[in-house]
């Protein structure tokens, strides 16, 4: 579980896009390699990262 905060408003999916962009930068992947798989309209989301092993994610984002 990772807690992130973005300044983008939740309208029109802009907050979701900001979260994906933030995680993509942190993981050194393209935004298209991330997918919000649950919680698109809620504050709690599940994100799938394509092409990156869970262990790599945990090393790149220690609080994950």
PDB file of N, CA and C in Angstrom:
ATOM      1  N   UNK A   1       0.849  -1.165   0.000  1.00  0.00           N
ATOM      2  CA  UNK A   1       0.000   0.000   0.000  1.00  0.00           C
ATOM      3  C   UNK A   1       0.893   1.225   0.000  1.00  0.00           C
ATOM      4  N   UNK A   2       0.508   2.186  -0.793  1.00  0.00           N
ATOM      5  CA  UNK A   2       1.273   3.413  -0.952  1.00  0.00           C
ATOM      6  C   UNK A   2       0.300   4.575  -0.907  1.00  0.00           C
ATOM      7  N   UNK A   3       0.610   5.584  -0.141  1.00  0.00           N
ATOM      8  CA  UNK A   3      -0.258   6.754  -0.061  1.00  0.00           C
ATOM      9  C   UNK A   3       0.383   7.878  -0.870  1.00  0.00           C
ATOM     10  N   UNK A   4      -0.368   8.394  -1.834  1.00  0.00           N
ATOM     11  CA  UNK A   4       0.120   9.504  -2.657  1.00  0.00           C
ATOM     12  C   UNK A   4      -0.912  10.630  -2.622  1.00  0.00           C
ATOM     13  N   UNK A   5      -0.428  11.812  -2.863  1.00  0.00           N
ATOM     14  CA  UNK A   5      -1.305  12.978  -2.922  1.00  0.00           C
ATOM     15  C   UNK A   5      -0.937  13.776  -4.164  1.00  0.00           C
ATOM     16  N   UNK A   6      -1.944  14.141  -4.941  1.00  0.00           N
ATOM     17  CA  UNK A   6      -1.730  14.955  -6.139  1.00  0.00           C
ATOM     18  C   UNK A   6      -2.618  16.189  -6.040  1.00  0.00           C
ATOM     19  N   UNK A   7      -2.221  17.233  -6.743  1.00  0.00           N
ATOM     20  CA  UNK A   7      -2.997  18.477  -6.680  1.00  0.00           C
ATOM     21  C   UNK A   7      -4.092  18.538  -7.741  1.00  0.00           C
ATOM     22  N   UNK A   8      -4.091  17.608  -8.680  1.00  0.00           N
ATOM     23  CA  UNK A   8      -5.095  17.609  -9.749  1.00  0.00           C
ATOM     24  C   UNK A   8      -6.474  17.291  -9.181  1.00  0.00           C
ATOM     25  N   UNK A   9      -7.498  17.978  -9.674  1.00  0.00           N
ATOM     26  CA  UNK A   9      -8.857  17.700  -9.198  1.00  0.00           C
ATOM     27  C   UNK A   9      -9.360  16.354  -9.713  1.00  0.00           C
ATOM     28  N   UNK A  10     -10.299  15.743  -9.003  1.00  0.00           N
ATOM     29  CA  UNK A  10     -10.798  14.439  -9.420  1.00  0.00           C
ATOM     30  C   UNK A  10     -11.733  14.488 -10.629  1.00  0.00           C
ATOM     31  N   UNK A  11     -12.037  15.658 -11.121  1.00  0.00           N
ATOM     32  CA  UNK A  11     -12.977  15.779 -12.234  1.00  0.00           C
ATOM     33  C   UNK A  11     -12.349  15.323 -13.548  1.00  0.00           C
ATOM     34  N   UNK A  12     -13.098  14.570 -14.319  1.00  0.00           N
ATOM     35  CA  UNK A  12     -12.673  14.157 -15.650  1.00  0.00           C
ATOM     36  C   UNK A  12     -11.484  13.216 -15.657  1.00  0.00           C
ATOM     37  N   UNK A  13     -11.226  12.563 -14.539  1.00  0.00           N
ATOM     38  CA  UNK A  13     -10.119  11.617 -14.485  1.00  0.00           C
ATOM     39  C   UNK A  13      -8.752  12.258 -14.355  1.00  0.00           C
ATOM     40  N   UNK A  14      -8.704  13.565 -14.110  1.00  0.00           N
ATOM     41  CA  UNK A  14      -7.406  14.250 -14.044  1.00  0.00           C
ATOM     42  C   UNK A  14      -6.565  13.782 -12.864  1.00  0.00           C
ATOM     43  N   UNK A  15      -7.186  13.498 -11.717  1.00  0.00           N
ATOM     44  CA  UNK A  15      -6.424  12.994 -10.570  1.00  0.00           C
ATOM     45  C   UNK A  15      -5.857  11.609 -10.875  1.00  0.00           C
ATOM     46  N   UNK A  16      -6.636  10.760 -11.513  1.00  0.00           N
ATOM     47  CA  UNK A  16      -6.146   9.432 -11.902  1.00  0.00           C
ATOM     48  C   UNK A  16      -4.954   9.556 -12.843  1.00  0.00           C
ATOM     49  N   UNK A  17      -5.046  10.452 -13.811  1.00  0.00           N
ATOM     50  CA  UNK A  17      -3.947  10.663 -14.753  1.00  0.00           C
ATOM     51  C   UNK A  17      -2.705  11.155 -14.023  1.00  0.00           C
ATOM     52  N   UNK A  18      -2.891  12.033 -13.039  1.00  0.00           N
ATOM     53  CA  UNK A  18      -1.760  12.561 -12.274  1.00  0.00           C
ATOM     54  C   UNK A  18      -1.107  11.462 -11.439  1.00  0.00           C
ATOM     55  N   UNK A  19      -1.910  10.583 -10.869  1.00  0.00           N
ATOM     56  CA  UNK A  19      -1.374   9.469 -10.083  1.00  0.00           C
ATOM     57  C   UNK A  19      -0.573   8.525 -10.975  1.00  0.00           C
ATOM     58  N   UNK A  20      -1.109   8.210 -12.134  1.00  0.00           N
ATOM     59  CA  UNK A  20      -0.400   7.332 -13.079  1.00  0.00           C
ATOM     60  C   UNK A  20       0.919   7.983 -13.502  1.00  0.00           C
ATOM     61  N   UNK A  21       0.901   9.275 -13.804  1.00  0.00           N
ATOM     62  CA  UNK A  21       2.123   9.968 -14.218  1.00  0.00           C
ATOM     63  C   UNK A  21       3.155   9.971 -13.093  1.00  0.00           C
ATOM     64  N   UNK A  22       2.716  10.209 -11.876  1.00  0.00           N
ATOM     65  CA  UNK A  22       3.612  10.221 -10.722  1.00  0.00           C
ATOM     66  C   UNK A  22       4.267   8.851 -10.523  1.00  0.00           C
ATOM     67  N   UNK A  23       3.465   7.800 -10.550  1.00  0.00           N
ATOM     68  CA  UNK A  23       4.004   6.451 -10.375  1.00  0.00           C
ATOM     69  C   UNK A  23       4.916   6.053 -11.528  1.00  0.00           C
ATOM     70  N   UNK A  24       4.574   6.453 -12.738  1.00  0.00           N
ATOM     71  CA  UNK A  24       5.413   6.141 -13.896  1.00  0.00           C
ATOM     72  C   UNK A  24       6.790   6.770 -13.737  1.00  0.00           C
ATOM     73  N   UNK A  25       6.828   8.021 -13.305  1.00  0.00           N
ATOM     74  CA  UNK A  25       8.124   8.682 -13.082  1.00  0.00           C
ATOM     75  C   UNK A  25       8.908   7.976 -11.991  1.00  0.00           C
ATOM     76  N   UNK A  26       8.238   7.636 -10.900  1.00  0.00           N
ATOM     77  CA  UNK A  26       8.911   6.994  -9.763  1.00  0.00           C
ATOM     78  C   UNK A  26       9.471   5.626 -10.125  1.00  0.00           C
ATOM     79  N   UNK A  27       8.791   4.910 -11.026  1.00  0.00           N
ATOM     80  CA  UNK A  27       9.196   3.553 -11.394  1.00  0.00           C
ATOM     81  C   UNK A  27      10.000   3.500 -12.692  1.00  0.00           C
ATOM     82  N   UNK A  28      10.220   4.665 -13.303  1.00  0.00           N
ATOM     83  CA  UNK A  28      10.980   4.750 -14.562  1.00  0.00           C
ATOM     84  C   UNK A  28      10.351   3.890 -15.651  1.00  0.00           C
ATOM     85  N   UNK A  29       9.024   3.982 -15.773  1.00  0.00           N
ATOM     86  CA  UNK A  29       8.295   3.293 -16.833  1.00  0.00           C
ATOM     87  C   UNK A  29       7.413   4.311 -17.547  1.00  0.00           C
ATOM     88  N   UNK A  30       6.873   3.918 -18.666  1.00  0.00           N
ATOM     89  CA  UNK A  30       5.943   4.788 -19.389  1.00  0.00           C
ATOM     90  C   UNK A  30       4.559   4.698 -18.732  1.00  0.00           C
ATOM     91  N   UNK A  31       3.816   5.783 -18.798  1.00  0.00           N
ATOM     92  CA  UNK A  31       2.481   5.822 -18.196  1.00  0.00           C
ATOM     93  C   UNK A  31       1.585   4.732 -18.776  1.00  0.00           C
ATOM     94  N   UNK A  32       1.789   4.368 -20.031  1.00  0.00           N
ATOM     95  CA  UNK A  32       0.956   3.324 -20.639  1.00  0.00           C
ATOM     96  C   UNK A  32       1.200   1.953 -20.015  1.00  0.00           C
ATOM     97  N   UNK A  33       2.294   1.807 -19.242  1.00  0.00           N
ATOM     98  CA  UNK A  33       2.593   0.549 -18.570  1.00  0.00           C
ATOM     99  C   UNK A  33       1.939   0.449 -17.195  1.00  0.00           C
ATOM    100  N   UNK A  34       1.149   1.428 -16.842  1.00  0.00           N
ATOM    101  CA  UNK A  34       0.389   1.411 -15.589  1.00  0.00           C
ATOM    102  C   UNK A  34      -1.092   1.431 -15.913  1.00  0.00           C
ATOM    103  N   UNK A  35      -1.851   0.754 -15.097  1.00  0.00           N
ATOM    104  CA  UNK A  35      -3.297   0.689 -15.312  1.00  0.00           C
ATOM    105  C   UNK A  35      -3.998   0.695 -13.958  1.00  0.00           C
ATOM    106  N   UNK A  36      -4.956   1.588 -13.794  1.00  0.00           N
ATOM    107  CA  UNK A  36      -5.776   1.569 -12.588  1.00  0.00           C
ATOM    108  C   UNK A  36      -6.807   0.470 -12.795  1.00  0.00           C
ATOM    109  N   UNK A  37      -6.705  -0.580 -12.000  1.00  0.00           N
ATOM    110  CA  UNK A  37      -7.573  -1.745 -12.187  1.00  0.00           C
ATOM    111  C   UNK A  37      -8.762  -1.744 -11.243  1.00  0.00           C
ATOM    112  N   UNK A  38      -8.723  -0.933 -10.207  1.00  0.00           N
ATOM    113  CA  UNK A  38      -9.854  -0.829  -9.280  1.00  0.00           C
ATOM    114  C   UNK A  38      -9.808   0.543  -8.619  1.00  0.00           C
ATOM    115  N   UNK A  39     -10.968   1.127  -8.413  1.00  0.00           N
ATOM    116  CA  UNK A  39     -11.062   2.384  -7.685  1.00  0.00           C
ATOM    117  C   UNK A  39     -10.946   3.636  -8.518  1.00  0.00           C
ATOM    118  N   UNK A  40     -11.281   3.543  -9.797  1.00  0.00           N
ATOM    119  CA  UNK A  40     -11.167   4.737 -10.645  1.00  0.00           C
ATOM    120  C   UNK A  40     -11.950   5.923 -10.098  1.00  0.00           C
ATOM    121  N   UNK A  41     -13.044   5.674  -9.404  1.00  0.00           N
ATOM    122  CA  UNK A  41     -13.849   6.788  -8.895  1.00  0.00           C
ATOM    123  C   UNK A  41     -13.800   6.885  -7.369  1.00  0.00           C
ATOM    124  N   UNK A  42     -12.830   6.235  -6.735  1.00  0.00           N
ATOM    125  CA  UNK A  42     -12.712   6.342  -5.286  1.00  0.00           C
ATOM    126  C   UNK A  42     -11.304   6.796  -4.927  1.00  0.00           C
ATOM    127  N   UNK A  43     -11.125   7.142  -3.666  1.00  0.00           N
ATOM    128  CA  UNK A  43      -9.815   7.610  -3.212  1.00  0.00           C
ATOM    129  C   UNK A  43      -8.813   6.466  -3.129  1.00  0.00           C
ATOM    130  N   UNK A  44      -9.273   5.249  -2.893  1.00  0.00           N
ATOM    131  CA  UNK A  44      -8.388   4.090  -2.801  1.00  0.00           C
ATOM    132  C   UNK A  44      -8.388   3.360  -4.134  1.00  0.00           C
ATOM    133  N   UNK A  45      -7.186   3.159  -4.685  1.00  0.00           N
ATOM    134  CA  UNK A  45      -7.059   2.577  -6.017  1.00  0.00           C
ATOM    135  C   UNK A  45      -6.109   1.390  -5.995  1.00  0.00           C
ATOM    136  N   UNK A  46      -6.267   0.515  -6.948  1.00  0.00           N
ATOM    137  CA  UNK A  46      -5.316  -0.568  -7.189  1.00  0.00           C
ATOM    138  C   UNK A  46      -4.741  -0.318  -8.571  1.00  0.00           C
ATOM    139  N   UNK A  47      -3.413  -0.370  -8.645  1.00  0.00           N
ATOM    140  CA  UNK A  47      -2.724  -0.077  -9.893  1.00  0.00           C
ATOM    141  C   UNK A  47      -1.885  -1.278 -10.299  1.00  0.00           C
ATOM    142  N   UNK A  48      -1.974  -1.651 -11.564  1.00  0.00           N
ATOM    143  CA  UNK A  48      -1.162  -2.729 -12.120  1.00  0.00           C
ATOM    144  C   UNK A  48      -0.013  -2.080 -12.885  1.00  0.00           C
ATOM    145  N   UNK A  49       1.191  -2.592 -12.633  1.00  0.00           N
ATOM    146  CA  UNK A  49       2.372  -2.133 -13.362  1.00  0.00           C
ATOM    147  C   UNK A  49       2.803  -3.274 -14.268  1.00  0.00           C
ATOM    148  N   UNK A  50       2.834  -3.014 -15.550  1.00  0.00           N
ATOM    149  CA  UNK A  50       3.166  -4.038 -16.536  1.00  0.00           C
ATOM    150  C   UNK A  50       4.670  -4.022 -16.798  1.00  0.00           C
ATOM    151  N   UNK A  51       5.272  -5.198 -16.735  1.00  0.00           N
ATOM    152  CA  UNK A  51       6.675  -5.322 -17.086  1.00  0.00           C
ATOM    153  C   UNK A  51       7.655  -5.034 -15.965  1.00  0.00           C
ATOM    154  N   UNK A  52       7.167  -4.867 -14.736  1.00  0.00           N
ATOM    155  CA  UNK A  52       8.051  -4.599 -13.606  1.00  0.00           C
ATOM    156  C   UNK A  52       7.708  -5.591 -12.502  1.00  0.00           C
ATOM    157  N   UNK A  53       8.707  -6.285 -12.013  1.00  0.00           N
ATOM    158  CA  UNK A  53       8.539  -7.261 -10.946  1.00  0.00           C
ATOM    159  C   UNK A  53       8.208  -6.562  -9.627  1.00  0.00           C
ATOM    160  N   UNK A  54       7.409  -7.194  -8.800  1.00  0.00           N
ATOM    161  CA  UNK A  54       7.018  -6.618  -7.514  1.00  0.00           C
ATOM    162  C   UNK A  54       8.233  -6.253  -6.665  1.00  0.00           C
ATOM    163  N   UNK A  55       9.252  -7.083  -6.679  1.00  0.00           N
ATOM    164  CA  UNK A  55      10.460  -6.794  -5.908  1.00  0.00           C
ATOM    165  C   UNK A  55      11.134  -5.514  -6.361  1.00  0.00           C
ATOM    166  N   UNK A  56      11.130  -5.270  -7.657  1.00  0.00           N
ATOM    167  CA  UNK A  56      11.711  -4.037  -8.198  1.00  0.00           C
ATOM    168  C   UNK A  56      10.912  -2.831  -7.712  1.00  0.00           C
ATOM    169  N   UNK A  57       9.598  -2.942  -7.738  1.00  0.00           N
ATOM    170  CA  UNK A  57       8.744  -1.854  -7.257  1.00  0.00           C
ATOM    171  C   UNK A  57       9.057  -1.571  -5.798  1.00  0.00           C
ATOM    172  N   UNK A  58       9.180  -2.594  -4.996  1.00  0.00           N
ATOM    173  CA  UNK A  58       9.458  -2.413  -3.557  1.00  0.00           C
ATOM    174  C   UNK A  58      10.829  -1.769  -3.331  1.00  0.00           C
ATOM    175  N   UNK A  59      11.802  -2.065  -4.185  1.00  0.00           N
ATOM    176  CA  UNK A  59      13.117  -1.425  -4.033  1.00  0.00           C
ATOM    177  C   UNK A  59      13.083   0.032  -4.492  1.00  0.00           C
ATOM    178  N   UNK A  60      12.324   0.313  -5.551  1.00  0.00           N
ATOM    179  CA  UNK A  60      12.287   1.682  -6.091  1.00  0.00           C
ATOM    180  C   UNK A  60      11.423   2.598  -5.239  1.00  0.00           C
ATOM    181  N   UNK A  61      10.382   2.032  -4.619  1.00  0.00           N
ATOM    182  CA  UNK A  61       9.501   2.797  -3.731  1.00  0.00           C
ATOM    183  C   UNK A  61       9.452   2.047  -2.406  1.00  0.00           C
ATOM    184  N   UNK A  62      10.389   2.344  -1.516  1.00  0.00           N
ATOM    185  CA  UNK A  62      10.507   1.570  -0.272  1.00  0.00           C
ATOM    186  C   UNK A  62       9.234   1.483   0.566  1.00  0.00           C
ATOM    187  N   UNK A  63       8.372   2.471   0.494  1.00  0.00           N
ATOM    188  CA  UNK A  63       7.149   2.439   1.306  1.00  0.00           C
ATOM    189  C   UNK A  63       6.036   1.619   0.661  1.00  0.00           C
ATOM    190  N   UNK A  64       6.275   1.071  -0.555  1.00  0.00           N
ATOM    191  CA  UNK A  64       5.240   0.291  -1.242  1.00  0.00           C
ATOM    192  C   UNK A  64       5.063  -1.066  -0.607  1.00  0.00           C
TER     193      UNK A  64
END
